[in-house]
């Protein structure tokens, strides 16, 4: 297991959502932090919140994970500030609404540069430092859409499936090499963050009502709080879990995909629509 107390962690996407919750929960458990995000104001707010109640060493780093050079500089700066840094959580991610024919190549490249290549470049940049620690852990955020692939999420699902494949192969390589570095891949279900509200829309999507409906449906089925997601990830790190599923919805979809690998979408769509209707009725 990788102990949290006394460790130091690098967390991307730390200004909001799951990343922010991870920063707060890790600090509460005695972990120093190198927090990264494009949102400098958000990073400083998280660091200030930690300083109020937890005497931990926290450094903040403005990083665009779509830029390999910025990731390399971040890894160097984080390791210099925290020589014992032994946990890296690749959490930063974005969303893109639209079917494949409604998304242009530049938009797909934008998403992949953040959601997939950001994970790859960060893993590469931090791995030499982690390999020198007595125990270390990489945590890569995939998604339940790295297990099932709904329509309208072709770019996002492709990137999250790629994160899953990369992470599993890298974990096996680390095991074969008897490396001290462990690796977990995380598959959250619906977590109450702003990722859908902050999503971009495909260049071919002309109906804004679809975006509104997408946000409403996400809010209706997203039952897990960022704090609960963070606690589950921390538990997975401590127990060295190779795959971390977050939420009952993620566990259900994982089982359904195993039972019906080529035909899971029809029953899954019916279930999701039923949940959305039930939530909408309860709010009236």
Protein backbone atom coordinates (compact mmCIF):
# COMPACT_ATOMS: atom_id res chain seq x y z
CA UNK A 1 0.00 0.00 0.00
CA UNK A 2 0.99 3.65 -0.43
CA UNK A 3 0.59 5.57 2.82
CA UNK A 4 -0.97 9.02 2.50
CA UNK A 5 0.35 10.48 5.76
CA UNK A 6 3.86 11.75 5.10
CA UNK A 7 3.57 11.57 1.32
CA UNK A 8 3.61 14.39 -1.22
CA UNK A 9 1.25 14.40 -4.19
CA UNK A 10 1.05 16.18 -7.53
CA UNK A 11 -2.56 16.75 -8.58
CA UNK A 12 -3.63 18.21 -11.93
CA UNK A 13 -6.99 19.88 -12.41
CA UNK A 14 -6.82 20.81 -8.72
CA UNK A 15 -8.74 24.10 -8.82
CA UNK A 16 -12.20 22.54 -8.90
CA UNK A 17 -14.26 19.36 -8.91
CA UNK A 18 -12.62 16.07 -8.00
CA UNK A 19 -9.14 17.62 -8.09
CA UNK A 20 -10.05 20.24 -5.50
CA UNK A 21 -11.71 17.61 -3.29
CA UNK A 22 -8.60 15.42 -3.57
CA UNK A 23 -6.36 18.30 -2.53
CA UNK A 24 -8.44 18.99 0.57
CA UNK A 25 -8.77 15.34 1.59
CA UNK A 26 -5.10 14.52 0.99
CA UNK A 27 -3.98 17.53 3.04
CA UNK A 28 -6.32 16.49 5.86
CA UNK A 29 -4.51 13.14 5.92
CA UNK A 30 -1.02 14.60 6.21
CA UNK A 31 -0.01 14.86 2.55
CA UNK A 32 1.98 17.76 1.06
CA UNK A 33 0.80 18.97 -2.35
CA UNK A 34 1.95 20.33 -5.70
CA UNK A 35 -1.29 21.54 -7.23
CA UNK A 36 -1.65 22.28 -10.94
CA UNK A 37 -4.37 23.91 -13.03
CA UNK A 38 -4.86 26.62 -15.64
CA UNK A 39 -7.07 28.47 -13.14
CA UNK A 40 -4.54 30.29 -10.94
CA UNK A 41 -7.21 32.03 -8.86
CA UNK A 42 -8.87 28.69 -8.17
CA UNK A 43 -5.53 27.14 -7.17
CA UNK A 44 -4.79 29.95 -4.73
CA UNK A 45 -8.28 29.59 -3.23
CA UNK A 46 -7.71 25.86 -2.64
CA UNK A 47 -4.28 26.51 -1.12
CA UNK A 48 -5.74 29.19 1.17
CA UNK A 49 -8.50 26.83 2.28
CA UNK A 50 -5.95 24.15 3.14
CA UNK A 51 -3.79 26.65 5.05
CA UNK A 52 -6.69 27.51 7.36
CA UNK A 53 -6.86 24.06 8.90
CA UNK A 54 -3.93 21.89 7.75
CA UNK A 55 -0.25 22.89 8.21
CA UNK A 56 0.90 21.23 5.00
CA UNK A 57 3.42 22.41 2.41
CA UNK A 58 1.39 23.36 -0.67
CA UNK A 59 2.82 24.74 -3.92
CA UNK A 60 0.68 25.93 -6.81
CA UNK A 61 1.63 25.67 -10.48
CA UNK A 62 -0.17 27.17 -13.46
CA UNK A 63 -0.11 24.35 -16.00
CA UNK A 64 -1.91 23.69 -19.27
CA UNK A 65 -1.69 19.89 -19.53
CA UNK A 66 -2.18 20.16 -23.30
CA UNK A 67 1.36 21.59 -23.46
CA UNK A 68 4.10 18.95 -22.95
CA UNK A 69 6.73 21.57 -22.13
CA UNK A 70 4.58 22.95 -19.31
CA UNK A 71 4.07 19.46 -17.90
CA UNK A 72 7.81 18.79 -17.98
CA UNK A 73 8.49 22.06 -16.14
CA UNK A 74 5.75 21.25 -13.61
CA UNK A 75 7.24 17.83 -12.89
CA UNK A 76 10.68 19.36 -12.33
CA UNK A 77 9.35 22.18 -10.15
CA UNK A 78 7.14 19.86 -8.12
CA UNK A 79 9.97 17.38 -7.48
CA UNK A 80 12.31 20.21 -6.50
CA UNK A 81 9.80 21.70 -4.06
CA UNK A 82 8.80 18.28 -2.73
CA UNK A 83 11.80 15.90 -2.94
CA UNK A 84 9.75 13.07 -1.44
CA UNK A 85 6.91 13.45 -3.94
CA UNK A 86 5.57 9.95 -4.50
CA UNK A 87 1.96 10.29 -5.70
CA UNK A 88 0.87 11.69 -9.07
CA UNK A 89 -2.83 12.09 -9.82
CA UNK A 90 -3.61 12.90 -13.46
CA UNK A 91 -7.08 14.32 -12.98
CA UNK A 92 -7.39 17.27 -15.41
CA UNK A 93 -10.03 16.75 -18.09
CA UNK A 94 -12.54 18.43 -20.39
CA UNK A 95 -15.73 17.44 -22.22
CA UNK A 96 -17.00 17.94 -25.77
CA UNK A 97 -20.66 17.58 -26.75
CA UNK A 98 -21.54 16.28 -30.19
CA UNK A 99 -21.68 13.25 -32.41
CA UNK A 100 -18.61 12.36 -34.47
CA UNK A 101 -19.97 14.05 -37.61
CA UNK A 102 -20.60 17.24 -35.60
CA UNK A 103 -17.05 17.50 -34.20
CA UNK A 104 -14.24 18.86 -36.32
CA UNK A 105 -10.71 17.46 -36.12
CA UNK A 106 -9.31 20.48 -34.29
CA UNK A 107 -11.86 20.00 -31.51
CA UNK A 108 -11.08 16.30 -31.22
CA UNK A 109 -7.36 17.11 -31.08
CA UNK A 110 -8.04 19.69 -28.34
CA UNK A 111 -9.80 17.11 -26.18
CA UNK A 112 -7.21 14.38 -26.79
CA UNK A 113 -4.33 16.74 -25.97
CA UNK A 114 -5.82 17.27 -22.52
CA UNK A 115 -7.64 14.04 -21.63
CA UNK A 116 -5.18 11.54 -23.11
CA UNK A 117 -1.85 13.11 -24.03
CA UNK A 118 -1.87 15.12 -20.80
CA UNK A 119 -1.95 11.82 -18.89
CA UNK A 120 0.78 10.29 -21.04
CA UNK A 121 3.12 13.30 -20.86
CA UNK A 122 2.63 13.64 -17.11
CA UNK A 123 3.31 9.95 -16.52
CA UNK A 124 6.48 10.21 -18.60
CA UNK A 125 7.66 13.39 -16.88
CA UNK A 126 7.13 12.17 -13.32
CA UNK A 127 8.06 8.48 -13.69
CA UNK A 128 11.87 8.82 -13.33
CA UNK A 129 11.40 10.69 -10.04
CA UNK A 130 8.76 8.27 -8.77
CA UNK A 131 10.96 5.28 -9.59
CA UNK A 132 13.56 6.57 -7.11
CA UNK A 133 11.09 6.50 -4.20
CA UNK A 134 10.69 3.51 -1.89
CA UNK A 135 6.98 3.45 -2.74
CA UNK A 136 5.04 5.53 -5.25
CA UNK A 137 1.70 5.67 -7.03
CA UNK A 138 0.30 7.02 -10.30
CA UNK A 139 -3.46 7.59 -10.51
CA UNK A 140 -4.93 8.16 -13.96
CA UNK A 141 -8.50 9.41 -14.30
CA UNK A 142 -10.42 7.60 -17.00
CA UNK A 143 -14.22 7.55 -16.77
CA UNK A 144 -17.14 5.16 -16.87
CA UNK A 145 -17.04 6.27 -20.52
CA UNK A 146 -13.75 4.40 -20.67
CA UNK A 147 -15.84 1.25 -20.14
CA UNK A 148 -19.06 2.09 -22.03
CA UNK A 149 -19.35 4.46 -24.99
CA UNK A 150 -22.63 6.37 -25.39
CA UNK A 151 -23.62 8.23 -28.55
CA UNK A 152 -22.72 11.89 -28.53
CA UNK A 153 -19.48 11.18 -26.64
CA UNK A 154 -17.26 9.79 -29.40
CA UNK A 155 -14.29 12.05 -28.66
CA UNK A 156 -14.55 11.82 -24.87
CA UNK A 157 -15.07 8.04 -24.84
CA UNK A 158 -12.20 7.49 -27.28
CA UNK A 159 -9.83 9.46 -25.06
CA UNK A 160 -10.98 7.78 -21.86
CA UNK A 161 -10.73 4.30 -23.41
CA UNK A 162 -7.20 5.30 -24.45
CA UNK A 163 -6.37 6.34 -20.87
CA UNK A 164 -7.60 2.97 -19.68
CA UNK A 165 -5.54 1.01 -22.24
CA UNK A 166 -2.40 3.06 -21.65
CA UNK A 167 -2.74 2.76 -17.87
CA UNK A 168 -3.29 -0.99 -17.87
CA UNK A 169 -0.31 -1.61 -20.17
CA UNK A 170 1.93 0.71 -18.13
CA UNK A 171 0.86 -1.00 -14.89
CA UNK A 172 1.82 -4.40 -16.31
CA UNK A 173 5.19 -3.03 -17.44
CA UNK A 174 5.87 -1.59 -13.99
CA UNK A 175 4.96 -4.90 -12.38
CA UNK A 176 7.27 -6.84 -14.72
CA UNK A 177 10.10 -4.44 -13.93
CA UNK A 178 9.45 -4.85 -10.17
CA UNK A 179 9.15 -1.07 -9.96
CA UNK A 180 8.17 0.58 -6.67
CA UNK A 181 5.58 2.54 -8.68
CA UNK A 182 2.00 1.31 -8.47
CA UNK A 183 -0.72 2.47 -10.86
CA UNK A 184 -4.49 2.82 -10.50
CA UNK A 185 -6.95 3.78 -13.23
CA UNK A 186 -10.15 5.48 -12.05
CA UNK A 187 -13.59 5.13 -13.64
CA UNK A 188 -16.00 7.65 -12.07
CA UNK A 189 -19.69 7.50 -12.86
CA UNK A 190 -21.76 10.65 -12.48
CA UNK A 191 -19.94 13.06 -10.16
CA UNK A 192 -21.46 16.46 -9.35
CA UNK A 193 -18.88 18.71 -10.99
CA UNK A 194 -19.08 21.45 -13.62
CA UNK A 195 -17.48 19.40 -16.40
CA UNK A 196 -20.69 19.29 -18.44
CA UNK A 197 -21.46 22.98 -17.88
CA UNK A 198 -17.91 23.86 -18.93
CA UNK A 199 -17.94 21.55 -21.95
CA UNK A 200 -17.40 22.74 -25.49
CA UNK A 201 -19.96 22.06 -28.21
CA UNK A 202 -19.15 20.47 -31.56
CA UNK A 203 -18.87 22.92 -34.45
CA UNK A 204 -21.71 21.10 -36.22
CA UNK A 205 -24.14 21.31 -33.28
CA UNK A 206 -26.63 24.07 -34.06
CA UNK A 207 -29.35 23.25 -31.53
CA UNK A 208 -28.50 24.82 -28.17
CA UNK A 209 -31.42 22.93 -26.61
CA UNK A 210 -29.33 19.75 -26.80
CA UNK A 211 -26.66 21.32 -24.62
CA UNK A 212 -29.26 22.40 -22.07
CA UNK A 213 -30.80 18.92 -22.08
CA UNK A 214 -27.36 17.32 -21.70
CA UNK A 215 -26.64 19.44 -18.61
CA UNK A 216 -30.06 18.71 -17.11
CA UNK A 217 -29.71 14.96 -17.66
CA UNK A 218 -26.22 14.93 -16.20
CA UNK A 219 -27.43 16.77 -13.10
CA UNK A 220 -30.32 14.30 -12.81
CA UNK A 221 -28.16 11.18 -12.77
CA UNK A 222 -24.96 12.47 -11.13
CA UNK A 223 -25.33 11.26 -7.54
CA UNK A 224 -21.74 11.21 -6.26
CA UNK A 225 -20.19 14.27 -4.64
CA UNK A 226 -16.59 15.27 -5.45
CA UNK A 227 -15.68 14.61 -1.80
CA UNK A 228 -17.05 11.06 -1.98
CA UNK A 229 -15.13 10.51 -5.21
CA UNK A 230 -11.93 11.80 -3.60
CA UNK A 231 -12.35 9.53 -0.59
CA UNK A 232 -12.85 6.53 -2.87
CA UNK A 233 -9.71 7.38 -4.84
CA UNK A 234 -7.67 7.77 -1.66
CA UNK A 235 -8.91 4.41 -0.42
CA UNK A 236 -7.88 2.92 -3.76
CA UNK A 237 -4.38 4.37 -3.41
CA UNK A 238 -4.02 3.06 0.12
CA UNK A 239 -5.17 -0.42 -0.93
CA UNK A 240 -3.21 -0.42 -4.20
CA UNK A 241 -6.35 -1.09 -6.25
CA UNK A 242 -5.57 -1.38 -9.98
CA UNK A 243 -9.10 -0.30 -10.98
CA UNK A 244 -11.22 2.14 -8.98
CA UNK A 245 -14.92 2.38 -9.81
CA UNK A 246 -16.76 5.36 -8.31
CA UNK A 247 -20.51 5.26 -7.71
CA UNK A 248 -23.26 2.67 -7.98
CA UNK A 249 -23.91 3.82 -11.54
CA UNK A 250 -20.33 3.01 -12.55
CA UNK A 251 -20.52 -0.42 -10.92
CA UNK A 252 -23.83 -1.15 -12.67
CA UNK A 253 -22.52 -0.07 -16.09
CA UNK A 254 -19.36 -2.10 -15.62
CA UNK A 255 -21.39 -5.25 -14.90
CA UNK A 256 -23.82 -4.58 -17.75
CA UNK A 257 -20.96 -4.14 -20.21
CA UNK A 258 -19.46 -7.45 -19.11
CA UNK A 259 -22.81 -9.24 -19.55
CA UNK A 260 -23.73 -7.56 -22.84
CA UNK A 261 -20.48 -6.27 -24.35
CA UNK A 262 -21.97 -5.49 -27.78
CA UNK A 263 -25.59 -4.68 -26.83
CA UNK A 264 -25.42 -2.79 -23.53
CA UNK A 265 -26.56 0.58 -24.87
CA UNK A 266 -30.32 -0.08 -25.34
CA UNK A 267 -30.98 -1.24 -21.74
CA UNK A 268 -28.57 1.35 -20.38
CA UNK A 269 -30.35 4.15 -22.25
CA UNK A 270 -33.70 3.04 -20.85
CA UNK A 271 -32.31 3.02 -17.32
CA UNK A 272 -30.72 6.47 -17.66
CA UNK A 273 -33.92 7.97 -19.09
CA UNK A 274 -35.92 6.45 -16.24
CA UNK A 275 -33.53 7.96 -13.69
CA UNK A 276 -33.76 11.36 -15.36
CA UNK A 277 -37.57 11.28 -15.36
CA UNK A 278 -37.66 10.22 -11.72
CA UNK A 279 -35.35 13.05 -10.69
CA UNK A 280 -37.30 15.59 -12.73
CA UNK A 281 -40.55 14.48 -11.09
CA UNK A 282 -39.05 14.69 -7.60
CA UNK A 283 -37.94 18.28 -8.24
CA UNK A 284 -41.44 19.46 -9.18
